[in-house]
PDB file of N, CA and C in Angstrom:
ATOM      1  N   MET A   1       5.217  27.428  19.205  1.00  0.00           N
ATOM      2  CA  MET A   1       4.260  28.206  19.326  1.00  0.00           C
ATOM      3  C   MET A   1       2.374  27.740  20.011  1.00  0.00           C
ATOM      4  N   ILE A   2       2.201  27.744  20.621  1.00  0.00           N
ATOM      5  CA  ILE A   2       0.690  27.483  21.569  1.00  0.00           C
ATOM      6  C   ILE A   2      -0.405  27.966  20.680  1.00  0.00           C
ATOM      7  N   LYS A   3      -0.963  26.933  20.375  1.00  0.00           N
ATOM      8  CA  LYS A   3      -2.452  27.094  19.541  1.00  0.00           C
ATOM      9  C   LYS A   3      -3.641  27.910  20.475  1.00  0.00           C
ATOM     10  N   SER A   4      -4.168  29.132  20.040  1.00  0.00           N
ATOM     11  CA  SER A   4      -5.858  29.110  20.592  1.00  0.00           C
ATOM     12  C   SER A   4      -6.505  28.276  20.213  1.00  0.00           C
ATOM     13  N   VAL A   5      -7.359  28.296  20.892  1.00  0.00           N
ATOM     14  CA  VAL A   5      -8.923  27.212  21.169  1.00  0.00           C
ATOM     15  C   VAL A   5      -9.208  27.206  19.883  1.00  0.00           C
ATOM     16  N   GLN A   6      -9.592  28.856  19.341  1.00  0.00           N
ATOM     17  CA  GLN A   6     -10.269  29.151  17.931  1.00  0.00           C
ATOM     18  C   GLN A   6      -9.332  28.228  17.122  1.00  0.00           C
ATOM     19  N   GLN A   7      -7.853  28.556  16.767  1.00  0.00           N
ATOM     20  CA  GLN A   7      -7.194  27.556  15.772  1.00  0.00           C
ATOM     21  C   GLN A   7      -7.532  26.208  15.697  1.00  0.00           C
ATOM     22  N   MET A   8      -7.386  25.917  17.002  1.00  0.00           N
ATOM     23  CA  MET A   8      -7.519  24.043  16.916  1.00  0.00           C
ATOM     24  C   MET A   8      -9.436  24.022  16.383  1.00  0.00           C
ATOM     25  N   ILE A   9     -10.357  24.635  16.606  1.00  0.00           N
ATOM     26  CA  ILE A   9     -11.685  24.545  16.339  1.00  0.00           C
ATOM     27  C   ILE A   9     -11.756  24.434  14.876  1.00  0.00           C
ATOM     28  N   ASP A  10     -10.683  25.848  13.927  1.00  0.00           N
ATOM     29  CA  ASP A  10     -11.290  26.108  12.908  1.00  0.00           C
ATOM     30  C   ASP A  10      -9.915  25.172  12.171  1.00  0.00           C
ATOM     31  N   GLU A  11      -8.811  23.730  12.837  1.00  0.00           N
ATOM     32  CA  GLU A  11      -8.402  22.913  11.792  1.00  0.00           C
ATOM     33  C   GLU A  11      -9.015  21.707  12.195  1.00  0.00           C
ATOM     34  N   ALA A  12     -10.193  21.833  13.137  1.00  0.00           N
ATOM     35  CA  ALA A  12     -10.664  20.677  13.109  1.00  0.00           C
ATOM     36  C   ALA A  12     -11.769  20.710  12.388  1.00  0.00           C
ATOM     37  N   ARG A  13     -12.687  21.799  12.285  1.00  0.00           N
ATOM     38  CA  ARG A  13     -13.870  21.806  10.828  1.00  0.00           C
ATOM     39  C   ARG A  13     -13.382  22.001   9.761  1.00  0.00           C
ATOM     40  N   ALA A  14     -11.816  21.841   9.495  1.00  0.00           N
ATOM     41  CA  ALA A  14     -11.497  22.042   8.131  1.00  0.00           C
ATOM     42  C   ALA A  14     -10.898  20.200   7.703  1.00  0.00           C
ATOM     43  N   GLU A  15     -11.224  19.455   8.519  1.00  0.00           N
ATOM     44  CA  GLU A  15     -11.016  17.831   8.488  1.00  0.00           C
ATOM     45  C   GLU A  15     -12.756  17.399   8.563  1.00  0.00           C
ATOM     46  N   ILE A  16     -13.512  17.786   9.438  1.00  0.00           N
ATOM     47  CA  ILE A  16     -14.364  17.271   9.322  1.00  0.00           C
ATOM     48  C   ILE A  16     -15.955  17.424   8.326  1.00  0.00           C
ATOM     49  N   VAL A  17     -16.872  16.657   8.201  1.00  0.00           N
ATOM     50  CA  VAL A  17     -18.229  16.879   7.479  1.00  0.00           C
ATOM     51  C   VAL A  17     -19.226  17.006   8.392  1.00  0.00           C
ATOM     52  N   GLY A  18     -19.567  17.904   8.065  1.00  0.00           N
ATOM     53  CA  GLY A  18     -21.094  17.977   9.460  1.00  0.00           C
ATOM     54  C   GLY A  18     -22.076  17.674   8.488  1.00  0.00           C
ATOM     55  N   HIS A  19     -23.483  16.691   9.090  1.00  0.00           N
ATOM     56  CA  HIS A  19     -24.453  16.147   8.510  1.00  0.00           C
ATOM     57  C   HIS A  19     -25.697  16.777   9.270  1.00  0.00           C
ATOM     58  N   THR A  20     -26.523  17.235   8.673  1.00  0.00           N
ATOM     59  CA  THR A  20     -28.124  17.477   9.452  1.00  0.00           C
ATOM     60  C   THR A  20     -28.269  15.758  10.145  1.00  0.00           C
ATOM     61  N   PRO A  21     -29.504  16.085  11.027  1.00  0.00           N
ATOM     62  CA  PRO A  21     -29.670  14.840  11.555  1.00  0.00           C
ATOM     63  C   PRO A  21     -30.369  13.724  10.359  1.00  0.00           C
ATOM     64  N   ALA A  22     -30.791  14.522   9.487  1.00  0.00           N
ATOM     65  CA  ALA A  22     -31.816  13.800   8.521  1.00  0.00           C
ATOM     66  C   ALA A  22     -30.349  13.122   7.629  1.00  0.00           C
ATOM     67  N   GLU A  23     -29.573  13.268   7.204  1.00  0.00           N
ATOM     68  CA  GLU A  23     -28.512  13.220   6.246  1.00  0.00           C
ATOM     69  C   GLU A  23     -27.485  12.775   7.384  1.00  0.00           C
ATOM     70  N   ALA A  24     -27.484  12.560   8.117  1.00  0.00           N
ATOM     71  CA  ALA A  24     -26.730  11.426   8.941  1.00  0.00           C
ATOM     72  C   ALA A  24     -27.697  10.412   9.231  1.00  0.00           C
ATOM     73  N   ARG A  25     -29.004  10.449   9.439  1.00  0.00           N
ATOM     74  CA  ARG A  25     -29.699   8.718   9.606  1.00  0.00           C
ATOM     75  C   ARG A  25     -29.756   8.117   7.985  1.00  0.00           C
ATOM     76  N   ARG A  26     -29.889   8.896   6.647  1.00  0.00           N
ATOM     77  CA  ARG A  26     -30.250   8.644   5.722  1.00  0.00           C
ATOM     78  C   ARG A  26     -28.882   7.707   5.498  1.00  0.00           C
ATOM     79  N   ARG A  27     -27.002   8.546   5.781  1.00  0.00           N
ATOM     80  CA  ARG A  27     -26.536   8.083   5.735  1.00  0.00           C
ATOM     81  C   ARG A  27     -25.461   6.431   6.144  1.00  0.00           C
ATOM     82  N   ALA A  28     -26.132   6.672   7.522  1.00  0.00           N
ATOM     83  CA  ALA A  28     -25.947   5.362   8.481  1.00  0.00           C
ATOM     84  C   ALA A  28     -27.148   4.046   7.985  1.00  0.00           C
ATOM     85  N   ALA A  29     -28.176   4.327   6.742  1.00  0.00           N
ATOM     86  CA  ALA A  29     -29.245   3.320   6.392  1.00  0.00           C
ATOM     87  C   ALA A  29     -28.567   2.733   5.015  1.00  0.00           C
ATOM     88  N   ASP A  30     -27.779   3.810   4.510  1.00  0.00           N
ATOM     89  CA  ASP A  30     -27.669   3.739   2.731  1.00  0.00           C
ATOM     90  C   ASP A  30     -26.396   3.219   2.483  1.00  0.00           C
ATOM     91  N   GLU A  31     -25.481   4.040   3.473  1.00  0.00           N
ATOM     92  CA  GLU A  31     -24.029   3.795   3.337  1.00  0.00           C
ATOM     93  C   GLU A  31     -23.353   3.062   3.954  1.00  0.00           C
ATOM     94  N   ASN A  32     -21.726   2.981   3.987  1.00  0.00           N
ATOM     95  CA  ASN A  32     -20.774   2.474   4.737  1.00  0.00           C
ATOM     96  C   ASN A  32     -20.822   3.377   5.821  1.00  0.00           C
ATOM     97  N   ALA A  33     -21.726   3.569   6.718  1.00  0.00           N
ATOM     98  CA  ALA A  33     -21.421   4.563   8.069  1.00  0.00           C
ATOM     99  C   ALA A  33     -21.937   4.047   9.026  1.00  0.00           C
ATOM    100  N   LEU A  34     -21.485   4.334  10.495  1.00  0.00           N
ATOM    101  CA  LEU A  34     -21.877   4.046  11.709  1.00  0.00           C
ATOM    102  C   LEU A  34     -22.168   5.134  12.320  1.00  0.00           C
ATOM    103  N   LEU A  35     -23.023   5.330  12.918  1.00  0.00           N
ATOM    104  CA  LEU A  35     -23.874   6.163  14.082  1.00  0.00           C
ATOM    105  C   LEU A  35     -22.694   6.069  15.299  1.00  0.00           C
ATOM    106  N   VAL A  36     -21.763   7.112  16.349  1.00  0.00           N
ATOM    107  CA  VAL A  36     -21.666   6.687  17.309  1.00  0.00           C
ATOM    108  C   VAL A  36     -22.036   7.932  18.334  1.00  0.00           C
ATOM    109  N   ASP A  37     -22.573   6.879  18.929  1.00  0.00           N
ATOM    110  CA  ASP A  37     -23.153   8.144  20.123  1.00  0.00           C
ATOM    111  C   ASP A  37     -22.570   8.418  21.223  1.00  0.00           C
ATOM    112  N   ILE A  38     -21.701   9.241  21.493  1.00  0.00           N
ATOM    113  CA  ILE A  38     -20.709   9.932  22.501  1.00  0.00           C
ATOM    114  C   ILE A  38     -21.339  10.447  23.534  1.00  0.00           C
ATOM    115  N   ARG A  39     -22.508  10.477  24.299  1.00  0.00           N
ATOM    116  CA  ARG A  39     -23.018  10.948  24.925  1.00  0.00           C
ATOM    117  C   ARG A  39     -23.065  10.091  26.606  1.00  0.00           C
ATOM    118  N   ASP A  40     -22.838  10.655  27.284  1.00  0.00           N
ATOM    119  CA  ASP A  40     -22.741   9.788  28.920  1.00  0.00           C
ATOM    120  C   ASP A  40     -24.026   8.566  29.098  1.00  0.00           C
ATOM    121  N   VAL A  41     -23.865   7.410  29.735  1.00  0.00           N
ATOM    122  CA  VAL A  41     -24.266   6.525  29.765  1.00  0.00           C
ATOM    123  C   VAL A  41     -25.750   6.629  30.187  1.00  0.00           C
ATOM    124  N   ARG A  42     -25.572   7.472  31.170  1.00  0.00           N
ATOM    125  CA  ARG A  42     -27.270   8.414  31.987  1.00  0.00           C
ATOM    126  C   ARG A  42     -28.044   8.993  31.421  1.00  0.00           C
ATOM    127  N   GLU A  43     -27.401   9.459  30.042  1.00  0.00           N
ATOM    128  CA  GLU A  43     -28.102  10.348  28.988  1.00  0.00           C
ATOM    129  C   GLU A  43     -28.409   9.505  28.409  1.00  0.00           C
ATOM    130  N   LEU A  44     -27.986   8.270  28.122  1.00  0.00           N
ATOM    131  CA  LEU A  44     -28.508   6.983  27.498  1.00  0.00           C
ATOM    132  C   LEU A  44     -29.978   6.417  27.941  1.00  0.00           C
ATOM    133  N   GLN A  45     -29.512   6.365  29.372  1.00  0.00           N
ATOM    134  CA  GLN A  45     -30.907   5.539  30.004  1.00  0.00           C
ATOM    135  C   GLN A  45     -32.244   6.616  30.228  1.00  0.00           C
ATOM    136  N   ARG A  46     -31.248   8.277  30.481  1.00  0.00           N
ATOM    137  CA  ARG A  46     -32.706   9.197  30.442  1.00  0.00           C
ATOM    138  C   ARG A  46     -33.542   9.110  29.219  1.00  0.00           C
ATOM    139  N   GLU A  47     -32.205   9.395  28.250  1.00  0.00           N
ATOM    140  CA  GLU A  47     -33.209   9.709  26.899  1.00  0.00           C
ATOM    141  C   GLU A  47     -33.364   8.387  25.708  1.00  0.00           C
ATOM    142  N   GLY A  48     -32.838   7.596  25.548  1.00  0.00           N
ATOM    143  CA  GLY A  48     -33.053   6.576  24.985  1.00  0.00           C
ATOM    144  C   GLY A  48     -31.755   6.567  24.013  1.00  0.00           C
ATOM    145  N   VAL A  49     -31.656   5.509  22.909  1.00  0.00           N
ATOM    146  CA  VAL A  49     -30.656   5.714  21.925  1.00  0.00           C
ATOM    147  C   VAL A  49     -31.170   5.404  20.870  1.00  0.00           C
ATOM    148  N   VAL A  50     -30.608   5.648  19.987  1.00  0.00           N
ATOM    149  CA  VAL A  50     -30.348   5.444  18.383  1.00  0.00           C
ATOM    150  C   VAL A  50     -30.750   3.770  17.762  1.00  0.00           C
ATOM    151  N   PRO A  51     -31.476   3.134  17.529  1.00  0.00           N
ATOM    152  CA  PRO A  51     -31.154   1.663  17.025  1.00  0.00           C
ATOM    153  C   PRO A  51     -30.022   1.416  15.991  1.00  0.00           C
ATOM    154  N   GLY A  52     -28.914   0.538  16.515  1.00  0.00           N
ATOM    155  CA  GLY A  52     -28.031   0.505  15.300  1.00  0.00           C
ATOM    156  C   GLY A  52     -27.156   1.272  15.988  1.00  0.00           C
ATOM    157  N   ALA A  53     -26.636   2.244  16.572  1.00  0.00           N
ATOM    158  CA  ALA A  53     -26.100   3.375  16.826  1.00  0.00           C
ATOM    159  C   ALA A  53     -24.774   2.530  17.869  1.00  0.00           C
ATOM    160  N   HIS A  54     -23.400   2.810  17.961  1.00  0.00           N
ATOM    161  CA  HIS A  54     -22.553   2.121  18.773  1.00  0.00           C
ATOM    162  C   HIS A  54     -22.171   3.437  19.708  1.00  0.00           C
ATOM    163  N   HIS A  55     -22.216   2.963  20.918  1.00  0.00           N
ATOM    164  CA  HIS A  55     -22.116   3.765  22.106  1.00  0.00           C
ATOM    165  C   HIS A  55     -20.481   3.818  22.466  1.00  0.00           C
ATOM    166  N   ALA A  56     -19.877   4.881  22.508  1.00  0.00           N
ATOM    167  CA  ALA A  56     -18.935   5.381  22.931  1.00  0.00           C
ATOM    168  C   ALA A  56     -18.581   6.770  23.921  1.00  0.00           C
ATOM    169  N   PRO A  57     -18.285   6.392  24.967  1.00  0.00           N
ATOM    170  CA  PRO A  57     -18.572   7.491  25.805  1.00  0.00           C
ATOM    171  C   PRO A  57     -17.404   8.696  25.651  1.00  0.00           C
ATOM    172  N   ARG A  58     -17.654   9.651  25.472  1.00  0.00           N
ATOM    173  CA  ARG A  58     -16.985  10.833  24.942  1.00  0.00           C
ATOM    174  C   ARG A  58     -15.627  11.134  25.706  1.00  0.00           C
ATOM    175  N   GLY A  59     -15.674  10.943  26.814  1.00  0.00           N
ATOM    176  CA  GLY A  59     -14.254  10.313  27.576  1.00  0.00           C
ATOM    177  C   GLY A  59     -13.481   9.294  27.360  1.00  0.00           C
ATOM    178  N   MET A  60     -13.840   8.289  26.586  1.00  0.00           N
ATOM    179  CA  MET A  60     -13.106   7.197  26.380  1.00  0.00           C
ATOM    180  C   MET A  60     -12.369   7.256  24.598  1.00  0.00           C
ATOM    181  N   LEU A  61     -13.029   8.112  23.852  1.00  0.00           N
ATOM    182  CA  LEU A  61     -13.286   8.242  22.406  1.00  0.00           C
ATOM    183  C   LEU A  61     -11.734   8.217  22.304  1.00  0.00           C
ATOM    184  N   GLU A  62     -10.980   9.119  22.240  1.00  0.00           N
ATOM    185  CA  GLU A  62      -9.649   9.207  21.495  1.00  0.00           C
ATOM    186  C   GLU A  62      -8.660   7.739  21.551  1.00  0.00           C
ATOM    187  N   PHE A  63      -9.033   7.145  23.156  1.00  0.00           N
ATOM    188  CA  PHE A  63      -8.299   6.065  23.746  1.00  0.00           C
ATOM    189  C   PHE A  63      -9.299   4.500  22.508  1.00  0.00           C
ATOM    190  N   TRP A  64     -10.138   4.995  22.623  1.00  0.00           N
ATOM    191  CA  TRP A  64     -11.054   3.421  22.117  1.00  0.00           C
ATOM    192  C   TRP A  64     -10.618   3.667  19.874  1.00  0.00           C
ATOM    193  N   VAL A  65     -10.206   4.896  20.163  1.00  0.00           N
ATOM    194  CA  VAL A  65     -10.537   5.153  18.623  1.00  0.00           C
ATOM    195  C   VAL A  65      -8.722   4.732  18.120  1.00  0.00           C
ATOM    196  N   ASP A  66      -7.921   5.091  18.939  1.00  0.00           N
ATOM    197  CA  ASP A  66      -6.097   5.097  18.473  1.00  0.00           C
ATOM    198  C   ASP A  66      -5.717   3.379  18.575  1.00  0.00           C
ATOM    199  N   PRO A  67      -5.551   2.924  17.468  1.00  0.00           N
ATOM    200  CA  PRO A  67      -5.233   1.162  17.636  1.00  0.00           C
ATOM    201  C   PRO A  67      -3.774   1.514  18.408  1.00  0.00           C
ATOM    202  N   GLU A  68      -3.183   2.257  18.314  1.00  0.00           N
ATOM    203  CA  GLU A  68      -2.098   1.748  19.906  1.00  0.00           C
ATOM    204  C   GLU A  68      -2.612   1.916  21.147  1.00  0.00           C
ATOM    205  N   SER A  69      -3.753   2.200  21.605  1.00  0.00           N
ATOM    206  CA  SER A  69      -4.115   2.086  23.000  1.00  0.00           C
ATOM    207  C   SER A  69      -4.589   0.719  23.352  1.00  0.00           C
ATOM    208  N   PRO A  70      -4.641   0.236  24.941  1.00  0.00           N
ATOM    209  CA  PRO A  70      -4.671  -0.641  25.403  1.00  0.00           C
ATOM    210  C   PRO A  70      -6.486  -0.697  25.220  1.00  0.00           C
ATOM    211  N   TYR A  71      -6.652   0.261  24.908  1.00  0.00           N
ATOM    212  CA  TYR A  71      -8.335   0.282  25.330  1.00  0.00           C
ATOM    213  C   TYR A  71      -9.071   0.211  23.514  1.00  0.00           C
ATOM    214  N   HIS A  72      -8.319   0.174  22.557  1.00  0.00           N
ATOM    215  CA  HIS A  72      -8.616   0.179  21.075  1.00  0.00           C
ATOM    216  C   HIS A  72      -9.849  -0.539  21.120  1.00  0.00           C
ATOM    217  N   LYS A  73     -10.685  -0.083  20.275  1.00  0.00           N
ATOM    218  CA  LYS A  73     -12.278  -1.072  19.917  1.00  0.00           C
ATOM    219  C   LYS A  73     -11.944  -1.326  18.613  1.00  0.00           C
ATOM    220  N   PRO A  74     -12.055  -2.511  18.372  1.00  0.00           N
ATOM    221  CA  PRO A  74     -11.549  -2.890  16.552  1.00  0.00           C
ATOM    222  C   PRO A  74     -13.272  -2.273  15.656  1.00  0.00           C
ATOM    223  N   VAL A  75     -13.909  -2.165  16.509  1.00  0.00           N
ATOM    224  CA  VAL A  75     -15.242  -1.606  15.337  1.00  0.00           C
ATOM    225  C   VAL A  75     -14.507   0.216  14.846  1.00  0.00           C
ATOM    226  N   PHE A  76     -13.752   0.864  15.437  1.00  0.00           N
ATOM    227  CA  PHE A  76     -13.277   1.836  14.678  1.00  0.00           C
ATOM    228  C   PHE A  76     -11.768   1.540  13.604  1.00  0.00           C
ATOM    229  N   ALA A  77     -11.580   0.752  13.337  1.00  0.00           N
ATOM    230  CA  ALA A  77     -10.248  -0.016  12.689  1.00  0.00           C
ATOM    231  C   ALA A  77     -11.009   0.051  11.415  1.00  0.00           C
ATOM    232  N   GLU A  78     -12.471  -0.304  11.574  1.00  0.00           N
ATOM    233  CA  GLU A  78     -13.067  -0.518  10.264  1.00  0.00           C
ATOM    234  C   GLU A  78     -13.178   0.324   9.248  1.00  0.00           C
ATOM    235  N   ASP A  79     -13.157  -0.272   8.065  1.00  0.00           N
ATOM    236  CA  ASP A  79     -12.979   1.183   6.788  1.00  0.00           C
ATOM    237  C   ASP A  79     -14.796   1.300   6.700  1.00  0.00           C
ATOM    238  N   ARG A  80     -15.241   2.235   7.219  1.00  0.00           N
ATOM    239  CA  ARG A  80     -16.287   3.250   7.414  1.00  0.00           C
ATOM    240  C   ARG A  80     -16.187   4.600   7.817  1.00  0.00           C
ATOM    241  N   GLU A  81     -17.449   5.000   7.316  1.00  0.00           N
ATOM    242  CA  GLU A  81     -17.718   6.598   8.040  1.00  0.00           C
ATOM    243  C   GLU A  81     -17.880   6.557   9.466  1.00  0.00           C
ATOM    244  N   PHE A  82     -17.579   7.534  10.208  1.00  0.00           N
ATOM    245  CA  PHE A  82     -18.103   7.379  11.598  1.00  0.00           C
ATOM    246  C   PHE A  82     -18.999   8.869  11.530  1.00  0.00           C
ATOM    247  N   ILE A  83     -20.333   8.820  12.159  1.00  0.00           N
ATOM    248  CA  ILE A  83     -21.030  10.136  12.698  1.00  0.00           C
ATOM    249  C   ILE A  83     -20.844  10.303  13.959  1.00  0.00           C
ATOM    250  N   PHE A  84     -19.929  10.865  14.147  1.00  0.00           N
ATOM    251  CA  PHE A  84     -20.282  11.010  15.864  1.00  0.00           C
ATOM    252  C   PHE A  84     -21.360  12.167  16.308  1.00  0.00           C
ATOM    253  N   TYR A  85     -22.730  11.764  17.332  1.00  0.00           N
ATOM    254  CA  TYR A  85     -23.257  12.513  17.654  1.00  0.00           C
ATOM    255  C   TYR A  85     -23.329  12.707  19.587  1.00  0.00           C
TER     256      TYR A  85
END
């Protein structure tokens, strides 16, 4: 059976925790968390970056996170919370 988009969204929301911007900032400063900016590089250049955030372009995210991928980035193997924005 093919899942609907809404079913996939509902399943994803059951697995993730949302934070307000203030809570994300606090968690990144006080806890073992990393802010991950998934915006396009042109947006970063135009709008600036959050100091200390790690950039992972949205189009590469699954490849960089997957340890089996030849594009895997070691930062995503660390035992920490990742806060994507």
